[in-house]
Amino acid sequence: MPRVLYLIATAAGPTQFVDRGVRVAQEAGWDVCLVFSPIAATWWWGRMDELEELTGHPVRHRYTEPDEDAPDVPPADAMLVAPLTTTSLCRWGAGITDSLSIGLPAEAVHLGTPVVAMPYWSTAIGTQPAVPKAVATLREQGVRVLLGDGGFEPHHPRADEPAAFPWELAVEALE
């Protein structure tokens, strides 16, 4: 039985290519359940059925309402938050879990589920003082943040290549 990966994508450029990330994880033997941040979900509205067909699971992007049944998805063996924006990083580091995309990994890491985060941002945004503090906070909690040291390196403003996001590096870090 394949291991279950929650691939959680926030509203950064590579999210428009998240299907590539799903395929990379599937090729590595993962059963992938996809979760979007609320804004990232809007990028795929017209094509959400493609992602559900690709994963075999409903794509999630919000908490369920009190009168709703929870989507039928298996529990996660690991979580990969990629790409991770500075906004989501800083909210997560501050303990603000008002979105499913941050609430799931924030809880999971404290329940013993391995959580890896692969950021994606520019050098201009990444120099905000809150960013290194949030990275340190997540690492202290046990999140493996792939930033520097062979992981993600910020790009110059408006000089990014979202299609070149290293999904393979992110998935390999789960092992």
C-alpha atoms as a PDB file:
ATOM      1  CA  MET A   1       0.000   0.000   0.000  1.00  0.00           C
ATOM      2  CA  PRO A   2       1.549   3.349  -0.998  1.00  0.00           C
ATOM      3  CA  ARG A   3       2.406   5.958   1.569  1.00  0.00           C
ATOM      4  CA  VAL A   4       0.095   8.985   1.626  1.00  0.00           C
ATOM      5  CA  LEU A   5       1.513  12.445   0.985  1.00  0.00           C
ATOM      6  CA  TYR A   6      -0.384  15.665   1.485  1.00  0.00           C
ATOM      7  CA  LEU A   7       1.066  18.080  -1.063  1.00  0.00           C
ATOM      8  CA  ILE A   8       0.117  21.552   0.147  1.00  0.00           C
ATOM      9  CA  ALA A   9       0.624  24.381  -2.349  1.00  0.00           C
ATOM     10  CA  THR A  10       0.376  28.079  -1.535  1.00  0.00           C
ATOM     11  CA  ALA A  11      -0.025  30.991  -3.959  1.00  0.00           C
ATOM     12  CA  ALA A  12       3.470  31.108  -5.464  1.00  0.00           C
ATOM     13  CA  GLY A  13       4.317  30.832  -9.152  1.00  0.00           C
ATOM     14  CA  PRO A  14       5.149  27.111  -9.193  1.00  0.00           C
ATOM     15  CA  THR A  15       1.629  26.279  -8.019  1.00  0.00           C
ATOM     16  CA  GLN A  16       0.469  26.759 -11.593  1.00  0.00           C
ATOM     17  CA  PHE A  17       2.587  23.648 -12.298  1.00  0.00           C
ATOM     18  CA  VAL A  18       1.553  21.651  -9.210  1.00  0.00           C
ATOM     19  CA  ASP A  19       0.493  18.755 -11.424  1.00  0.00           C
ATOM     20  CA  ARG A  20       4.218  18.237 -12.093  1.00  0.00           C
ATOM     21  CA  GLY A  21       4.810  17.985  -8.356  1.00  0.00           C
ATOM     22  CA  VAL A  22       2.006  15.454  -8.038  1.00  0.00           C
ATOM     23  CA  ARG A  23       3.525  13.313 -10.800  1.00  0.00           C
ATOM     24  CA  VAL A  24       7.014  13.472  -9.278  1.00  0.00           C
ATOM     25  CA  ALA A  25       5.631  12.325  -5.926  1.00  0.00           C
ATOM     26  CA  GLN A  26       3.576   9.572  -7.549  1.00  0.00           C
ATOM     27  CA  GLU A  27       6.653   8.325  -9.416  1.00  0.00           C
ATOM     28  CA  ALA A  28       8.406   8.140  -6.023  1.00  0.00           C
ATOM     29  CA  GLY A  29       5.635   5.863  -4.757  1.00  0.00           C
ATOM     30  CA  TRP A  30       3.388   8.351  -2.940  1.00  0.00           C
ATOM     31  CA  ASP A  31      -0.408   8.400  -2.990  1.00  0.00           C
ATOM     32  CA  VAL A  32      -0.900  12.186  -3.245  1.00  0.00           C
ATOM     33  CA  CYS A  33      -3.697  14.220  -1.697  1.00  0.00           C
ATOM     34  CA  LEU A  34      -3.585  17.833  -2.838  1.00  0.00           C
ATOM     35  CA  VAL A  35      -4.363  20.843  -0.642  1.00  0.00           C
ATOM     36  CA  PHE A  36      -4.303  24.457  -1.804  1.00  0.00           C
ATOM     37  CA  SER A  37      -4.213  27.707   0.073  1.00  0.00           C
ATOM     38  CA  PRO A  38      -7.438  29.638  -0.586  1.00  0.00           C
ATOM     39  CA  ILE A  39      -5.841  31.942  -3.184  1.00  0.00           C
ATOM     40  CA  ALA A  40      -3.895  29.151  -4.887  1.00  0.00           C
ATOM     41  CA  ALA A  41      -7.142  27.205  -5.331  1.00  0.00           C
ATOM     42  CA  THR A  42      -8.555  29.991  -7.492  1.00  0.00           C
ATOM     43  CA  TRP A  43      -5.751  29.462  -9.989  1.00  0.00           C
ATOM     44  CA  TRP A  44      -7.083  25.955 -10.689  1.00  0.00           C
ATOM     45  CA  TRP A  45     -10.868  26.522 -10.457  1.00  0.00           C
ATOM     46  CA  GLY A  46     -11.524  25.684 -14.097  1.00  0.00           C
ATOM     47  CA  ARG A  47      -9.270  22.624 -14.014  1.00  0.00           C
ATOM     48  CA  MET A  48      -9.779  21.199 -10.520  1.00  0.00           C
ATOM     49  CA  ASP A  49     -11.308  18.043 -11.990  1.00  0.00           C
ATOM     50  CA  GLU A  50      -7.997  17.349 -13.775  1.00  0.00           C
ATOM     51  CA  LEU A  51      -6.189  17.350 -10.442  1.00  0.00           C
ATOM     52  CA  GLU A  52      -8.816  15.154  -8.811  1.00  0.00           C
ATOM     53  CA  GLU A  53      -8.495  12.672 -11.657  1.00  0.00           C
ATOM     54  CA  LEU A  54      -4.701  12.777 -11.406  1.00  0.00           C
ATOM     55  CA  THR A  55      -4.658  12.167  -7.634  1.00  0.00           C
ATOM     56  CA  GLY A  56      -7.801  10.090  -7.253  1.00  0.00           C
ATOM     57  CA  HIS A  57      -8.816  12.287  -4.310  1.00  0.00           C
ATOM     58  CA  PRO A  58     -10.829  15.445  -3.782  1.00  0.00           C
ATOM     59  CA  VAL A  59      -8.667  18.569  -3.817  1.00  0.00           C
ATOM     60  CA  ARG A  60      -9.052  20.494  -0.576  1.00  0.00           C
ATOM     61  CA  HIS A  61      -8.667  24.228  -0.034  1.00  0.00           C
ATOM     62  CA  ARG A  62     -10.728  25.101   3.036  1.00  0.00           C
ATOM     63  CA  TYR A  63     -11.875  23.753   6.355  1.00  0.00           C
ATOM     64  CA  THR A  64     -15.199  21.931   6.238  1.00  0.00           C
ATOM     65  CA  GLU A  65     -18.283  23.751   7.471  1.00  0.00           C
ATOM     66  CA  PRO A  66     -19.967  22.442  10.656  1.00  0.00           C
ATOM     67  CA  ASP A  67     -22.815  20.879   8.646  1.00  0.00           C
ATOM     68  CA  GLU A  68     -20.551  19.306   5.987  1.00  0.00           C
ATOM     69  CA  ASP A  69     -19.071  15.844   5.897  1.00  0.00           C
ATOM     70  CA  ALA A  70     -15.286  15.851   5.771  1.00  0.00           C
ATOM     71  CA  PRO A  71     -13.836  14.819   2.392  1.00  0.00           C
ATOM     72  CA  ASP A  72     -12.915  11.161   2.163  1.00  0.00           C
ATOM     73  CA  VAL A  73      -9.123  11.281   2.117  1.00  0.00           C
ATOM     74  CA  PRO A  74      -6.671   8.935   3.830  1.00  0.00           C
ATOM     75  CA  PRO A  75      -4.536  10.189   6.723  1.00  0.00           C
ATOM     76  CA  ALA A  76      -1.119  11.571   5.787  1.00  0.00           C
ATOM     77  CA  ASP A  77       2.120   9.685   6.316  1.00  0.00           C
ATOM     78  CA  ALA A  78       4.009  12.892   5.428  1.00  0.00           C
ATOM     79  CA  MET A  79       3.304  16.440   4.305  1.00  0.00           C
ATOM     80  CA  LEU A  80       5.110  18.602   1.773  1.00  0.00           C
ATOM     81  CA  VAL A  81       4.313  22.305   1.767  1.00  0.00           C
ATOM     82  CA  ALA A  82       5.575  23.441  -1.623  1.00  0.00           C
ATOM     83  CA  PRO A  83       5.775  26.044  -2.871  1.00  0.00           C
ATOM     84  CA  LEU A  84       5.591  27.997   0.379  1.00  0.00           C
ATOM     85  CA  THR A  85       5.174  31.782   0.199  1.00  0.00           C
ATOM     86  CA  THR A  86       6.519  34.223   2.777  1.00  0.00           C
ATOM     87  CA  THR A  87       2.944  35.089   3.730  1.00  0.00           C
ATOM     88  CA  SER A  88       2.070  31.485   4.540  1.00  0.00           C
ATOM     89  CA  LEU A  89       5.452  30.931   6.193  1.00  0.00           C
ATOM     90  CA  CYS A  90       5.035  33.903   8.515  1.00  0.00           C
ATOM     91  CA  ARG A  91       1.430  33.025   9.374  1.00  0.00           C
ATOM     92  CA  TRP A  92       2.485  29.446  10.138  1.00  0.00           C
ATOM     93  CA  GLY A  93       5.466  30.577  12.208  1.00  0.00           C
ATOM     94  CA  ALA A  94       3.186  32.878  14.207  1.00  0.00           C
ATOM     95  CA  GLY A  95       0.710  30.073  14.844  1.00  0.00           C
ATOM     96  CA  ILE A  96      -2.035  31.580  12.678  1.00  0.00           C
ATOM     97  CA  THR A  97      -3.824  28.508  11.360  1.00  0.00           C
ATOM     98  CA  ASP A  98      -6.949  30.056   9.879  1.00  0.00           C
ATOM     99  CA  SER A  99      -6.492  28.205   6.579  1.00  0.00           C
ATOM    100  CA  LEU A 100      -6.464  24.470   5.987  1.00  0.00           C
ATOM    101  CA  SER A 101      -3.186  24.806   4.084  1.00  0.00           C
ATOM    102  CA  ILE A 102      -1.419  25.999   7.245  1.00  0.00           C
ATOM    103  CA  GLY A 103      -3.542  24.281   9.877  1.00  0.00           C
ATOM    104  CA  LEU A 104      -2.857  20.778   8.573  1.00  0.00           C
ATOM    105  CA  PRO A 105       0.969  20.916   8.688  1.00  0.00           C
ATOM    106  CA  ALA A 106       0.985  23.023  11.876  1.00  0.00           C
ATOM    107  CA  GLU A 107      -0.905  20.270  13.660  1.00  0.00           C
ATOM    108  CA  ALA A 108       0.775  17.344  11.914  1.00  0.00           C
ATOM    109  CA  VAL A 109       4.328  18.193  12.940  1.00  0.00           C
ATOM    110  CA  HIS A 110       3.243  18.056  16.602  1.00  0.00           C
ATOM    111  CA  LEU A 111       1.568  14.686  16.057  1.00  0.00           C
ATOM    112  CA  GLY A 112       4.756  13.121  14.692  1.00  0.00           C
ATOM    113  CA  THR A 113       4.001  13.365  10.985  1.00  0.00           C
ATOM    114  CA  PRO A 114       7.088  14.365   8.972  1.00  0.00           C
ATOM    115  CA  VAL A 115       6.644  17.812   7.402  1.00  0.00           C
ATOM    116  CA  VAL A 116       8.907  19.305   4.730  1.00  0.00           C
ATOM    117  CA  ALA A 117       8.562  22.858   3.407  1.00  0.00           C
ATOM    118  CA  MET A 118      10.106  24.156   0.174  1.00  0.00           C
ATOM    119  CA  PRO A 119       9.855  27.967  -0.025  1.00  0.00           C
ATOM    120  CA  TYR A 120       9.571  30.106  -3.114  1.00  0.00           C
ATOM    121  CA  TRP A 121      10.114  33.855  -2.957  1.00  0.00           C
ATOM    122  CA  SER A 122      12.266  36.730  -4.164  1.00  0.00           C
ATOM    123  CA  THR A 123      15.300  38.178  -2.443  1.00  0.00           C
ATOM    124  CA  ALA A 124      13.368  41.396  -1.820  1.00  0.00           C
ATOM    125  CA  ILE A 125      10.546  39.664   0.060  1.00  0.00           C
ATOM    126  CA  GLY A 126      12.820  37.155   1.769  1.00  0.00           C
ATOM    127  CA  THR A 127      14.769  39.922   3.507  1.00  0.00           C
ATOM    128  CA  GLN A 128      11.799  40.929   5.637  1.00  0.00           C
ATOM    129  CA  PRO A 129      12.813  40.433   9.306  1.00  0.00           C
ATOM    130  CA  ALA A 130       9.836  38.143   9.970  1.00  0.00           C
ATOM    131  CA  VAL A 131      11.013  35.590   7.389  1.00  0.00           C
ATOM    132  CA  PRO A 132      14.158  34.224   9.093  1.00  0.00           C
ATOM    133  CA  LYS A 133      12.336  34.263  12.443  1.00  0.00           C
ATOM    134  CA  ALA A 134       9.505  32.168  11.004  1.00  0.00           C
ATOM    135  CA  VAL A 135      11.964  29.744   9.372  1.00  0.00           C
ATOM    136  CA  ALA A 136      13.750  29.313  12.718  1.00  0.00           C
ATOM    137  CA  THR A 137      10.444  28.776  14.532  1.00  0.00           C
ATOM    138  CA  LEU A 138       9.334  26.071  12.118  1.00  0.00           C
ATOM    139  CA  ARG A 139      12.702  24.332  12.276  1.00  0.00           C
ATOM    140  CA  GLU A 140      12.554  24.379  16.098  1.00  0.00           C
ATOM    141  CA  GLN A 141       9.203  22.587  15.844  1.00  0.00           C
ATOM    142  CA  GLY A 142      10.655  19.883  13.608  1.00  0.00           C
ATOM    143  CA  VAL A 143       9.665  21.113  10.153  1.00  0.00           C
ATOM    144  CA  ARG A 144      12.384  20.475   7.583  1.00  0.00           C
ATOM    145  CA  VAL A 145      12.598  23.807   5.749  1.00  0.00           C
ATOM    146  CA  LEU A 146      14.573  23.484   2.514  1.00  0.00           C
ATOM    147  CA  LEU A 147      16.160  26.925   2.423  1.00  0.00           C
ATOM    148  CA  GLY A 148      19.851  27.322   1.595  1.00  0.00           C
ATOM    149  CA  ASP A 149      22.311  24.455   2.011  1.00  0.00           C
ATOM    150  CA  GLY A 150      21.246  22.780  -1.221  1.00  0.00           C
ATOM    151  CA  GLY A 151      17.570  23.705  -0.864  1.00  0.00           C
ATOM    152  CA  PHE A 152      15.677  26.667  -2.228  1.00  0.00           C
ATOM    153  CA  GLU A 153      17.576  29.858  -2.964  1.00  0.00           C
ATOM    154  CA  PRO A 154      15.528  33.068  -3.361  1.00  0.00           C
ATOM    155  CA  HIS A 155      15.422  34.531  -6.854  1.00  0.00           C
ATOM    156  CA  HIS A 156      15.843  38.145  -7.875  1.00  0.00           C
ATOM    157  CA  PRO A 157      12.561  40.070  -8.054  1.00  0.00           C
ATOM    158  CA  ARG A 158      10.735  39.422 -11.321  1.00  0.00           C
ATOM    159  CA  ALA A 159      13.475  37.042 -12.441  1.00  0.00           C
ATOM    160  CA  ASP A 160      11.897  33.791 -11.347  1.00  0.00           C
ATOM    161  CA  GLU A 161      11.206  30.672 -13.371  1.00  0.00           C
ATOM    162  CA  PRO A 162       8.228  28.987 -11.720  1.00  0.00           C
ATOM    163  CA  ALA A 163       8.195  26.155 -14.280  1.00  0.00           C
ATOM    164  CA  ALA A 164      11.709  25.206 -13.130  1.00  0.00           C
ATOM    165  CA  PHE A 165      10.673  24.634  -9.494  1.00  0.00           C
ATOM    166  CA  PRO A 166      12.680  21.626  -8.209  1.00  0.00           C
ATOM    167  CA  TRP A 167       9.831  19.281  -7.307  1.00  0.00           C
ATOM    168  CA  GLU A 168      12.278  16.347  -7.313  1.00  0.00           C
ATOM    169  CA  LEU A 169      14.395  17.977  -4.582  1.00  0.00           C
ATOM    170  CA  ALA A 170      11.305  18.593  -2.460  1.00  0.00           C
ATOM    171  CA  VAL A 171      10.040  15.010  -2.817  1.00  0.00           C
ATOM    172  CA  GLU A 172      13.499  13.522  -2.189  1.00  0.00           C
ATOM    173  CA  ALA A 173      13.647  15.432   1.106  1.00  0.00           C
ATOM    174  CA  LEU A 174      10.712  13.359   2.376  1.00  0.00           C
ATOM    175  CA  GLU A 175      12.873  10.245   2.538  1.00  0.00           C
END
